[in-house]
Amino acid sequence: CAAVCAALNGPAGTAPATVESTTH
């Protein structure tokens, strides 16, 4: 879900890559 959200907010022609994740 985070990757899709980031992709929808990112520049066209790029892909999302998670660089940090914190889970509670």
mmCIF file of all heavy atoms, coordinates in Angstrom:
data_MODEL
# 
_entry.id   MODEL 
# 
loop_
_atom_site.group_PDB 
_atom_site.id 
_atom_site.type_symbol 
_atom_site.label_atom_id 
_atom_site.label_alt_id 
_atom_site.label_comp_id 
_atom_site.label_asym_id 
_atom_site.label_entity_id 
_atom_site.label_seq_id 
_atom_site.pdbx_PDB_ins_code 
_atom_site.Cartn_x 
_atom_site.Cartn_y 
_atom_site.Cartn_z 
_atom_site.occupancy 
_atom_site.B_iso_or_equiv 
_atom_site.pdbx_formal_charge 
_atom_site.auth_seq_id 
_atom_site.auth_comp_id 
_atom_site.auth_asym_id 
_atom_site.auth_atom_id 
_atom_site.pdbx_PDB_model_num 
ATOM 1   N N   . CYS A 1 1  ? 0.827  -1.217 0.000   1.00 0.00 ? 1  CYS A N   1 
ATOM 2   C CA  . CYS A 1 1  ? 0.000  0.000  0.000   1.00 0.00 ? 1  CYS A CA  1 
ATOM 3   C C   . CYS A 1 1  ? 0.854  1.257  0.000   1.00 0.00 ? 1  CYS A C   1 
ATOM 4   O O   . CYS A 1 1  ? 0.566  2.218  -0.720  1.00 0.00 ? 1  CYS A O   1 
ATOM 5   C CB  . CYS A 1 1  ? -0.932 0.008  1.212   1.00 0.00 ? 1  CYS A CB  1 
ATOM 6   S SG  . CYS A 1 1  ? -2.276 -1.163 1.072   1.00 0.00 ? 1  CYS A SG  1 
ATOM 7   N N   . ALA A 1 2  ? 1.925  1.264  0.783   1.00 0.00 ? 2  ALA A N   1 
ATOM 8   C CA  . ALA A 1 2  ? 2.815  2.426  0.830   1.00 0.00 ? 2  ALA A CA  1 
ATOM 9   C C   . ALA A 1 2  ? 3.487  2.648  -0.513  1.00 0.00 ? 2  ALA A C   1 
ATOM 10  O O   . ALA A 1 2  ? 3.601  3.789  -0.988  1.00 0.00 ? 2  ALA A O   1 
ATOM 11  C CB  . ALA A 1 2  ? 3.856  2.245  1.935   1.00 0.00 ? 2  ALA A CB  1 
ATOM 12  N N   . ALA A 1 3  ? 3.937  1.577  -1.147  1.00 0.00 ? 3  ALA A N   1 
ATOM 13  C CA  . ALA A 1 3  ? 4.593  1.703  -2.446  1.00 0.00 ? 3  ALA A CA  1 
ATOM 14  C C   . ALA A 1 3  ? 3.642  2.260  -3.498  1.00 0.00 ? 3  ALA A C   1 
ATOM 15  O O   . ALA A 1 3  ? 4.015  3.129  -4.292  1.00 0.00 ? 3  ALA A O   1 
ATOM 16  C CB  . ALA A 1 3  ? 5.151  0.350  -2.888  1.00 0.00 ? 3  ALA A CB  1 
ATOM 17  N N   . VAL A 1 4  ? 2.407  1.776  -3.497  1.00 0.00 ? 4  VAL A N   1 
ATOM 18  C CA  . VAL A 1 4  ? 1.421  2.271  -4.462  1.00 0.00 ? 4  VAL A CA  1 
ATOM 19  C C   . VAL A 1 4  ? 1.135  3.746  -4.199  1.00 0.00 ? 4  VAL A C   1 
ATOM 20  O O   . VAL A 1 4  ? 1.096  4.562  -5.130  1.00 0.00 ? 4  VAL A O   1 
ATOM 21  C CB  . VAL A 1 4  ? 0.137  1.421  -4.431  1.00 0.00 ? 4  VAL A CB  1 
ATOM 22  C CG1 . VAL A 1 4  ? -0.969 2.078  -5.248  1.00 0.00 ? 4  VAL A CG1 1 
ATOM 23  C CG2 . VAL A 1 4  ? 0.417  0.010  -4.938  1.00 0.00 ? 4  VAL A CG2 1 
ATOM 24  N N   . CYS A 1 5  ? 0.975  4.113  -2.947  1.00 0.00 ? 5  CYS A N   1 
ATOM 25  C CA  . CYS A 1 5  ? 0.715  5.509  -2.589  1.00 0.00 ? 5  CYS A CA  1 
ATOM 26  C C   . CYS A 1 5  ? 1.879  6.397  -3.027  1.00 0.00 ? 5  CYS A C   1 
ATOM 27  O O   . CYS A 1 5  ? 1.676  7.469  -3.604  1.00 0.00 ? 5  CYS A O   1 
ATOM 28  C CB  . CYS A 1 5  ? 0.466  5.624  -1.089  1.00 0.00 ? 5  CYS A CB  1 
ATOM 29  S SG  . CYS A 1 5  ? -0.135 7.235  -0.566  1.00 0.00 ? 5  CYS A SG  1 
ATOM 30  N N   . ALA A 1 6  ? 3.089  5.947  -2.781  1.00 0.00 ? 6  ALA A N   1 
ATOM 31  C CA  . ALA A 1 6  ? 4.267  6.714  -3.189  1.00 0.00 ? 6  ALA A CA  1 
ATOM 32  C C   . ALA A 1 6  ? 4.338  6.819  -4.714  1.00 0.00 ? 6  ALA A C   1 
ATOM 33  O O   . ALA A 1 6  ? 4.659  7.886  -5.250  1.00 0.00 ? 6  ALA A O   1 
ATOM 34  C CB  . ALA A 1 6  ? 5.538  6.079  -2.641  1.00 0.00 ? 6  ALA A CB  1 
ATOM 35  N N   . ALA A 1 7  ? 4.045  5.730  -5.407  1.00 0.00 ? 7  ALA A N   1 
ATOM 36  C CA  . ALA A 1 7  ? 4.084  5.751  -6.878  1.00 0.00 ? 7  ALA A CA  1 
ATOM 37  C C   . ALA A 1 7  ? 3.073  6.747  -7.433  1.00 0.00 ? 7  ALA A C   1 
ATOM 38  O O   . ALA A 1 7  ? 3.367  7.458  -8.400  1.00 0.00 ? 7  ALA A O   1 
ATOM 39  C CB  . ALA A 1 7  ? 3.805  4.350  -7.427  1.00 0.00 ? 7  ALA A CB  1 
ATOM 40  N N   . LEU A 1 8  ? 1.908  6.815  -6.819  1.00 0.00 ? 8  LEU A N   1 
ATOM 41  C CA  . LEU A 1 8  ? 0.873  7.742  -7.288  1.00 0.00 ? 8  LEU A CA  1 
ATOM 42  C C   . LEU A 1 8  ? 1.235  9.197  -7.013  1.00 0.00 ? 8  LEU A C   1 
ATOM 43  O O   . LEU A 1 8  ? 0.639  10.110 -7.595  1.00 0.00 ? 8  LEU A O   1 
ATOM 44  C CB  . LEU A 1 8  ? -0.473 7.393  -6.648  1.00 0.00 ? 8  LEU A CB  1 
ATOM 45  C CG  . LEU A 1 8  ? -1.086 6.084  -7.145  1.00 0.00 ? 8  LEU A CG  1 
ATOM 46  C CD1 . LEU A 1 8  ? -2.253 5.668  -6.271  1.00 0.00 ? 8  LEU A CD1 1 
ATOM 47  C CD2 . LEU A 1 8  ? -1.508 6.213  -8.605  1.00 0.00 ? 8  LEU A CD2 1 
ATOM 48  N N   . ASN A 1 9  ? 2.188  9.411  -6.122  1.00 0.00 ? 9  ASN A N   1 
ATOM 49  C CA  . ASN A 1 9  ? 2.652  10.758 -5.805  1.00 0.00 ? 9  ASN A CA  1 
ATOM 50  C C   . ASN A 1 9  ? 3.999  11.081 -6.442  1.00 0.00 ? 9  ASN A C   1 
ATOM 51  O O   . ASN A 1 9  ? 4.501  12.192 -6.303  1.00 0.00 ? 9  ASN A O   1 
ATOM 52  C CB  . ASN A 1 9  ? 2.752  10.940 -4.283  1.00 0.00 ? 9  ASN A CB  1 
ATOM 53  C CG  . ASN A 1 9  ? 1.401  11.151 -3.664  1.00 0.00 ? 9  ASN A CG  1 
ATOM 54  O OD1 . ASN A 1 9  ? 0.843  12.228 -3.739  1.00 0.00 ? 9  ASN A OD1 1 
ATOM 55  N ND2 . ASN A 1 9  ? 0.848  10.098 -3.062  1.00 0.00 ? 9  ASN A ND2 1 
ATOM 56  N N   . GLY A 1 10 ? 4.604  10.104 -7.114  1.00 0.00 ? 10 GLY A N   1 
ATOM 57  C CA  . GLY A 1 10 ? 5.945  10.285 -7.662  1.00 0.00 ? 10 GLY A CA  1 
ATOM 58  C C   . GLY A 1 10 ? 5.938  10.719 -9.102  1.00 0.00 ? 10 GLY A C   1 
ATOM 59  O O   . GLY A 1 10 ? 4.900  10.773 -9.761  1.00 0.00 ? 10 GLY A O   1 
ATOM 60  N N   . PRO A 1 11 ? 7.127  11.021 -9.591  1.00 0.00 ? 11 PRO A N   1 
ATOM 61  C CA  . PRO A 1 11 ? 7.247  11.427 -10.996 1.00 0.00 ? 11 PRO A CA  1 
ATOM 62  C C   . PRO A 1 11 ? 6.920  10.267 -11.940 1.00 0.00 ? 11 PRO A C   1 
ATOM 63  O O   . PRO A 1 11 ? 7.230  9.114  -11.645 1.00 0.00 ? 11 PRO A O   1 
ATOM 64  C CB  . PRO A 1 11 ? 8.727  11.820 -11.139 1.00 0.00 ? 11 PRO A CB  1 
ATOM 65  C CG  . PRO A 1 11 ? 9.304  11.818 -9.764  1.00 0.00 ? 11 PRO A CG  1 
ATOM 66  C CD  . PRO A 1 11 ? 8.388  11.043 -8.882  1.00 0.00 ? 11 PRO A CD  1 
ATOM 67  N N   . ALA A 1 12 ? 6.311  10.588 -13.054 1.00 0.00 ? 12 ALA A N   1 
ATOM 68  C CA  . ALA A 1 12 ? 6.012  9.576  -14.070 1.00 0.00 ? 12 ALA A CA  1 
ATOM 69  C C   . ALA A 1 12 ? 7.316  8.931  -14.525 1.00 0.00 ? 12 ALA A C   1 
ATOM 70  O O   . ALA A 1 12 ? 8.360  9.577  -14.579 1.00 0.00 ? 12 ALA A O   1 
ATOM 71  C CB  . ALA A 1 12 ? 5.288  10.218 -15.245 1.00 0.00 ? 12 ALA A CB  1 
ATOM 72  N N   . GLY A 1 13 ? 7.257  7.650  -14.815 1.00 0.00 ? 13 GLY A N   1 
ATOM 73  C CA  . GLY A 1 13 ? 8.421  6.937  -15.312 1.00 0.00 ? 13 GLY A CA  1 
ATOM 74  C C   . GLY A 1 13 ? 9.356  6.428  -14.229 1.00 0.00 ? 13 GLY A C   1 
ATOM 75  O O   . GLY A 1 13 ? 10.431 5.930  -14.528 1.00 0.00 ? 13 GLY A O   1 
ATOM 76  N N   . THR A 1 14 ? 8.944  6.567  -12.958 1.00 0.00 ? 14 THR A N   1 
ATOM 77  C CA  . THR A 1 14 ? 9.757  6.047  -11.856 1.00 0.00 ? 14 THR A CA  1 
ATOM 78  C C   . THR A 1 14 ? 8.987  4.947  -11.136 1.00 0.00 ? 14 THR A C   1 
ATOM 79  O O   . THR A 1 14 ? 7.780  4.786  -11.311 1.00 0.00 ? 14 THR A O   1 
ATOM 80  C CB  . THR A 1 14 ? 10.126 7.146  -10.836 1.00 0.00 ? 14 THR A CB  1 
ATOM 81  O OG1 . THR A 1 14 ? 8.939  7.661  -10.229 1.00 0.00 ? 14 THR A OG1 1 
ATOM 82  C CG2 . THR A 1 14 ? 10.908 8.276  -11.513 1.00 0.00 ? 14 THR A CG2 1 
ATOM 83  N N   . ALA A 1 15 ? 9.707  4.201  -10.333 1.00 0.00 ? 15 ALA A N   1 
ATOM 84  C CA  . ALA A 1 15 ? 9.108  3.130  -9.538  1.00 0.00 ? 15 ALA A CA  1 
ATOM 85  C C   . ALA A 1 15 ? 9.458  3.371  -8.072  1.00 0.00 ? 15 ALA A C   1 
ATOM 86  O O   . ALA A 1 15 ? 10.510 3.927  -7.761  1.00 0.00 ? 15 ALA A O   1 
ATOM 87  C CB  . ALA A 1 15 ? 9.648  1.774  -9.993  1.00 0.00 ? 15 ALA A CB  1 
ATOM 88  N N   . PRO A 1 16 ? 8.598  2.928  -7.154  1.00 0.00 ? 16 PRO A N   1 
ATOM 89  C CA  . PRO A 1 16 ? 8.872  3.133  -5.734  1.00 0.00 ? 16 PRO A CA  1 
ATOM 90  C C   . PRO A 1 16 ? 9.858  2.102  -5.200  1.00 0.00 ? 16 PRO A C   1 
ATOM 91  O O   . PRO A 1 16 ? 9.856  0.947  -5.620  1.00 0.00 ? 16 PRO A O   1 
ATOM 92  C CB  . PRO A 1 16 ? 7.497  2.945  -5.088  1.00 0.00 ? 16 PRO A CB  1 
ATOM 93  C CG  . PRO A 1 16 ? 6.788  1.997  -6.005  1.00 0.00 ? 16 PRO A CG  1 
ATOM 94  C CD  . PRO A 1 16 ? 7.293  2.317  -7.381  1.00 0.00 ? 16 PRO A CD  1 
ATOM 95  N N   . ALA A 1 17 ? 10.700 2.541  -4.273  1.00 0.00 ? 17 ALA A N   1 
ATOM 96  C CA  . ALA A 1 17 ? 11.631 1.643  -3.579  1.00 0.00 ? 17 ALA A CA  1 
ATOM 97  C C   . ALA A 1 17 ? 11.634 2.035  -2.109  1.00 0.00 ? 17 ALA A C   1 
ATOM 98  O O   . ALA A 1 17 ? 11.981 3.173  -1.764  1.00 0.00 ? 17 ALA A O   1 
ATOM 99  C CB  . ALA A 1 17 ? 13.028 1.748  -4.163  1.00 0.00 ? 17 ALA A CB  1 
ATOM 100 N N   . THR A 1 18 ? 11.236 1.110  -1.253  1.00 0.00 ? 18 THR A N   1 
ATOM 101 C CA  . THR A 1 18 ? 11.216 1.375  0.180   1.00 0.00 ? 18 THR A CA  1 
ATOM 102 C C   . THR A 1 18 ? 12.651 1.424  0.690   1.00 0.00 ? 18 THR A C   1 
ATOM 103 O O   . THR A 1 18 ? 13.429 0.507  0.455   1.00 0.00 ? 18 THR A O   1 
ATOM 104 C CB  . THR A 1 18 ? 10.432 0.275  0.926   1.00 0.00 ? 18 THR A CB  1 
ATOM 105 O OG1 . THR A 1 18 ? 9.106  0.218  0.391   1.00 0.00 ? 18 THR A OG1 1 
ATOM 106 C CG2 . THR A 1 18 ? 10.377 0.537  2.416   1.00 0.00 ? 18 THR A CG2 1 
ATOM 107 N N   . VAL A 1 19 ? 12.980 2.513  1.397   1.00 0.00 ? 19 VAL A N   1 
ATOM 108 C CA  . VAL A 1 19 ? 14.324 2.637  1.954   1.00 0.00 ? 19 VAL A CA  1 
ATOM 109 C C   . VAL A 1 19 ? 14.328 2.544  3.474   1.00 0.00 ? 19 VAL A C   1 
ATOM 110 O O   . VAL A 1 19 ? 15.377 2.331  4.079   1.00 0.00 ? 19 VAL A O   1 
ATOM 111 C CB  . VAL A 1 19 ? 15.035 3.937  1.490   1.00 0.00 ? 19 VAL A CB  1 
ATOM 112 C CG1 . VAL A 1 19 ? 15.263 3.897  -0.007  1.00 0.00 ? 19 VAL A CG1 1 
ATOM 113 C CG2 . VAL A 1 19 ? 14.252 5.171  1.877   1.00 0.00 ? 19 VAL A CG2 1 
ATOM 114 N N   . GLU A 1 20 ? 13.163 2.692  4.094   1.00 0.00 ? 20 GLU A N   1 
ATOM 115 C CA  . GLU A 1 20 ? 13.063 2.556  5.548   1.00 0.00 ? 20 GLU A CA  1 
ATOM 116 C C   . GLU A 1 20 ? 11.631 2.196  5.904   1.00 0.00 ? 20 GLU A C   1 
ATOM 117 O O   . GLU A 1 20 ? 10.685 2.692  5.291   1.00 0.00 ? 20 GLU A O   1 
ATOM 118 C CB  . GLU A 1 20 ? 13.436 3.875  6.229   1.00 0.00 ? 20 GLU A CB  1 
ATOM 119 C CG  . GLU A 1 20 ? 13.450 3.805  7.732   1.00 0.00 ? 20 GLU A CG  1 
ATOM 120 C CD  . GLU A 1 20 ? 13.887 5.130  8.350   1.00 0.00 ? 20 GLU A CD  1 
ATOM 121 O OE1 . GLU A 1 20 ? 14.686 5.849  7.730   1.00 0.00 ? 20 GLU A OE1 1 
ATOM 122 O OE2 . GLU A 1 20 ? 13.397 5.430  9.453   1.00 0.00 ? 20 GLU A OE2 1 
ATOM 123 N N   . SER A 1 21 ? 11.475 1.323  6.891   1.00 0.00 ? 21 SER A N   1 
ATOM 124 C CA  . SER A 1 21 ? 10.142 0.916  7.323   1.00 0.00 ? 21 SER A CA  1 
ATOM 125 C C   . SER A 1 21 ? 10.157 0.649  8.821   1.00 0.00 ? 21 SER A C   1 
ATOM 126 O O   . SER A 1 21 ? 11.035 -0.049 9.324   1.00 0.00 ? 21 SER A O   1 
ATOM 127 C CB  . SER A 1 21 ? 9.700  -0.344 6.566   1.00 0.00 ? 21 SER A CB  1 
ATOM 128 O OG  . SER A 1 21 ? 8.386  -0.699 6.930   1.00 0.00 ? 21 SER A OG  1 
ATOM 129 N N   . THR A 1 22 ? 9.181  1.219  9.510   1.00 0.00 ? 22 THR A N   1 
ATOM 130 C CA  . THR A 1 22 ? 9.025  0.995  10.947  1.00 0.00 ? 22 THR A CA  1 
ATOM 131 C C   . THR A 1 22 ? 7.611  0.495  11.192  1.00 0.00 ? 22 THR A C   1 
ATOM 132 O O   . THR A 1 22 ? 6.642  1.117  10.749  1.00 0.00 ? 22 THR A O   1 
ATOM 133 C CB  . THR A 1 22 ? 9.242  2.298  11.745  1.00 0.00 ? 22 THR A CB  1 
ATOM 134 O OG1 . THR A 1 22 ? 10.544 2.796  11.439  1.00 0.00 ? 22 THR A OG1 1 
ATOM 135 C CG2 . THR A 1 22 ? 9.115  2.055  13.230  1.00 0.00 ? 22 THR A CG2 1 
ATOM 136 N N   . THR A 1 23 ? 7.504  -0.626 11.878  1.00 0.00 ? 23 THR A N   1 
ATOM 137 C CA  . THR A 1 23 ? 6.200  -1.228 12.158  1.00 0.00 ? 23 THR A CA  1 
ATOM 138 C C   . THR A 1 23 ? 5.976  -1.309 13.658  1.00 0.00 ? 23 THR A C   1 
ATOM 139 O O   . THR A 1 23 ? 6.844  -1.763 14.389  1.00 0.00 ? 23 THR A O   1 
ATOM 140 C CB  . THR A 1 23 ? 6.109  -2.643 11.567  1.00 0.00 ? 23 THR A CB  1 
ATOM 141 O OG1 . THR A 1 23 ? 6.360  -2.577 10.159  1.00 0.00 ? 23 THR A OG1 1 
ATOM 142 C CG2 . THR A 1 23 ? 4.742  -3.263 11.816  1.00 0.00 ? 23 THR A CG2 1 
ATOM 143 N N   . HIS A 1 24 ? 4.801  -0.871 14.077  1.00 0.00 ? 24 HIS A N   1 
ATOM 144 C CA  . HIS A 1 24 ? 4.373  -1.035 15.464  1.00 0.00 ? 24 HIS A CA  1 
ATOM 145 C C   . HIS A 1 24 ? 3.173  -1.987 15.456  1.00 0.00 ? 24 HIS A C   1 
ATOM 146 O O   . HIS A 1 24 ? 2.125  -1.646 14.900  1.00 0.00 ? 24 HIS A O   1 
ATOM 147 C CB  . HIS A 1 24 ? 3.978  0.306  16.089  1.00 0.00 ? 24 HIS A CB  1 
ATOM 148 C CG  . HIS A 1 24 ? 5.117  1.256  16.182  1.00 0.00 ? 24 HIS A CG  1 
ATOM 149 N ND1 . HIS A 1 24 ? 6.050  1.204  17.185  1.00 0.00 ? 24 HIS A ND1 1 
ATOM 150 C CD2 . HIS A 1 24 ? 5.495  2.273  15.374  1.00 0.00 ? 24 HIS A CD2 1 
ATOM 151 C CE1 . HIS A 1 24 ? 6.950  2.146  17.004  1.00 0.00 ? 24 HIS A CE1 1 
ATOM 152 N NE2 . HIS A 1 24 ? 6.635  2.807  15.907  1.00 0.00 ? 24 HIS A NE2 1 
# 
